[in-house]
C-alpha atoms as a PDB file:
ATOM      1  CA  MET A   1      -8.747  -5.547   6.939  1.00  0.00           C
ATOM      2  CA  GLU A   2      -6.492  -5.303  10.002  1.00  0.00           C
ATOM      3  CA  ARG A   3      -2.993  -3.784  10.034  1.00  0.00           C
ATOM      4  CA  ASP A   4      -1.313  -7.179  10.276  1.00  0.00           C
ATOM      5  CA  ASP A   5      -3.308  -8.689   7.389  1.00  0.00           C
ATOM      6  CA  ILE A   6      -1.354  -9.331   4.193  1.00  0.00           C
ATOM      7  CA  LEU A   7      -2.267  -6.711   1.594  1.00  0.00           C
ATOM      8  CA  CYS A   8       0.189  -7.864  -1.090  1.00  0.00           C
ATOM      9  CA  THR A   9       0.449 -11.637  -1.190  1.00  0.00           C
ATOM     10  CA  CYS A  10       3.140 -11.688  -3.892  1.00  0.00           C
ATOM     11  CA  MET A  11       5.572  -9.656  -1.789  1.00  0.00           C
ATOM     12  CA  ASP A  12       4.175 -10.652   1.654  1.00  0.00           C
ATOM     13  CA  ILE A  13       3.518  -7.047   2.680  1.00  0.00           C
ATOM     14  CA  THR A  14       0.963  -6.124   5.333  1.00  0.00           C
ATOM     15  CA  LYS A  15      -1.607  -3.366   5.296  1.00  0.00           C
ATOM     16  CA  GLY A  16       0.238  -1.762   8.204  1.00  0.00           C
ATOM     17  CA  GLU A  17       3.507  -1.631   6.304  1.00  0.00           C
ATOM     18  CA  VAL A  18       1.798   0.151   3.416  1.00  0.00           C
ATOM     19  CA  GLU A  19      -0.038   2.532   5.775  1.00  0.00           C
ATOM     20  CA  ASP A  20       3.195   3.388   7.574  1.00  0.00           C
ATOM     21  CA  ALA A  21       4.982   4.078   4.279  1.00  0.00           C
ATOM     22  CA  ILE A  22       2.160   6.318   3.032  1.00  0.00           C
ATOM     23  CA  LYS A  23       2.028   8.287   6.266  1.00  0.00           C
ATOM     24  CA  GLY A  24       5.755   8.377   6.982  1.00  0.00           C
ATOM     25  CA  LYS A  25       6.889   9.332   3.489  1.00  0.00           C
ATOM     26  CA  LYS A  26       3.760  11.330   2.554  1.00  0.00           C
ATOM     27  CA  LEU A  27       3.164   9.128  -0.489  1.00  0.00           C
ATOM     28  CA  THR A  28       0.375  10.094  -2.857  1.00  0.00           C
ATOM     29  CA  THR A  29       0.569   7.622  -5.768  1.00  0.00           C
ATOM     30  CA  VAL A  30       0.515   3.869  -6.270  1.00  0.00           C
ATOM     31  CA  GLU A  31       3.888   4.180  -8.009  1.00  0.00           C
ATOM     32  CA  GLN A  32       5.422   5.803  -4.933  1.00  0.00           C
ATOM     33  CA  VAL A  33       4.042   3.012  -2.734  1.00  0.00           C
ATOM     34  CA  GLN A  34       5.458   0.431  -5.140  1.00  0.00           C
ATOM     35  CA  GLU A  35       8.905   2.051  -5.049  1.00  0.00           C
ATOM     36  CA  GLU A  36       8.897   2.327  -1.268  1.00  0.00           C
ATOM     37  CA  THR A  37       7.417  -1.073  -0.320  1.00  0.00           C
ATOM     38  CA  ASP A  38       7.369  -3.304  -3.453  1.00  0.00           C
ATOM     39  CA  ALA A  39       3.632  -3.821  -2.814  1.00  0.00           C
ATOM     40  CA  GLY A  40       1.742  -4.071  -6.092  1.00  0.00           C
ATOM     41  CA  THR A  41       4.806  -4.970  -8.141  1.00  0.00           C
ATOM     42  CA  GLY A  42       3.960  -8.660  -8.556  1.00  0.00           C
ATOM     43  CA  CYS A  43       0.623  -9.662 -10.032  1.00  0.00           C
ATOM     44  CA  GLY A  44      -0.978  -6.264  -9.342  1.00  0.00           C
ATOM     45  CA  SER A  45      -4.146  -7.609  -7.728  1.00  0.00           C
ATOM     46  CA  CYS A  46      -3.633  -5.388  -4.656  1.00  0.00           C
ATOM     47  CA  ILE A  47      -3.339  -2.114  -6.561  1.00  0.00           C
ATOM     48  CA  GLU A  48      -6.993  -1.269  -5.917  1.00  0.00           C
ATOM     49  CA  ASP A  49      -6.424  -1.808  -2.182  1.00  0.00           C
ATOM     50  CA  ILE A  50      -3.377   0.472  -2.325  1.00  0.00           C
ATOM     51  CA  GLU A  51      -5.440   3.129  -4.122  1.00  0.00           C
ATOM     52  CA  ASP A  52      -8.133   2.855  -1.444  1.00  0.00           C
ATOM     53  CA  LEU A  53      -5.546   3.297   1.328  1.00  0.00           C
ATOM     54  CA  LEU A  54      -4.045   6.311  -0.412  1.00  0.00           C
ATOM     55  CA  LYS A  55      -7.501   7.939  -0.668  1.00  0.00           C
ATOM     56  CA  GLU A  56      -8.354   7.119   2.930  1.00  0.00           C
ATOM     57  CA  ILE A  57      -5.079   8.344   4.417  1.00  0.00           C
ATOM     58  CA  ASN A  58      -4.712  11.412   2.202  1.00  0.00           C
ATOM     59  CA  ASN A  59      -8.422  12.309   2.430  1.00  0.00           C
ATOM     60  CA  THR A  60      -8.861  12.490  -1.325  1.00  0.00           C
END
């Protein structure tokens, strides 16, 4: 998935927007990402993708 690909279709949020929020705000949980970006607050089908990004960026 590229940075400009839509990660959250419900809220029309890109992978890059989520990555930037995680890195910029040092987010560590899905809930923090949801509060910051609204990604994952619709149908929830992108929550696994958000979890994967959190693990990748935070090296956990």
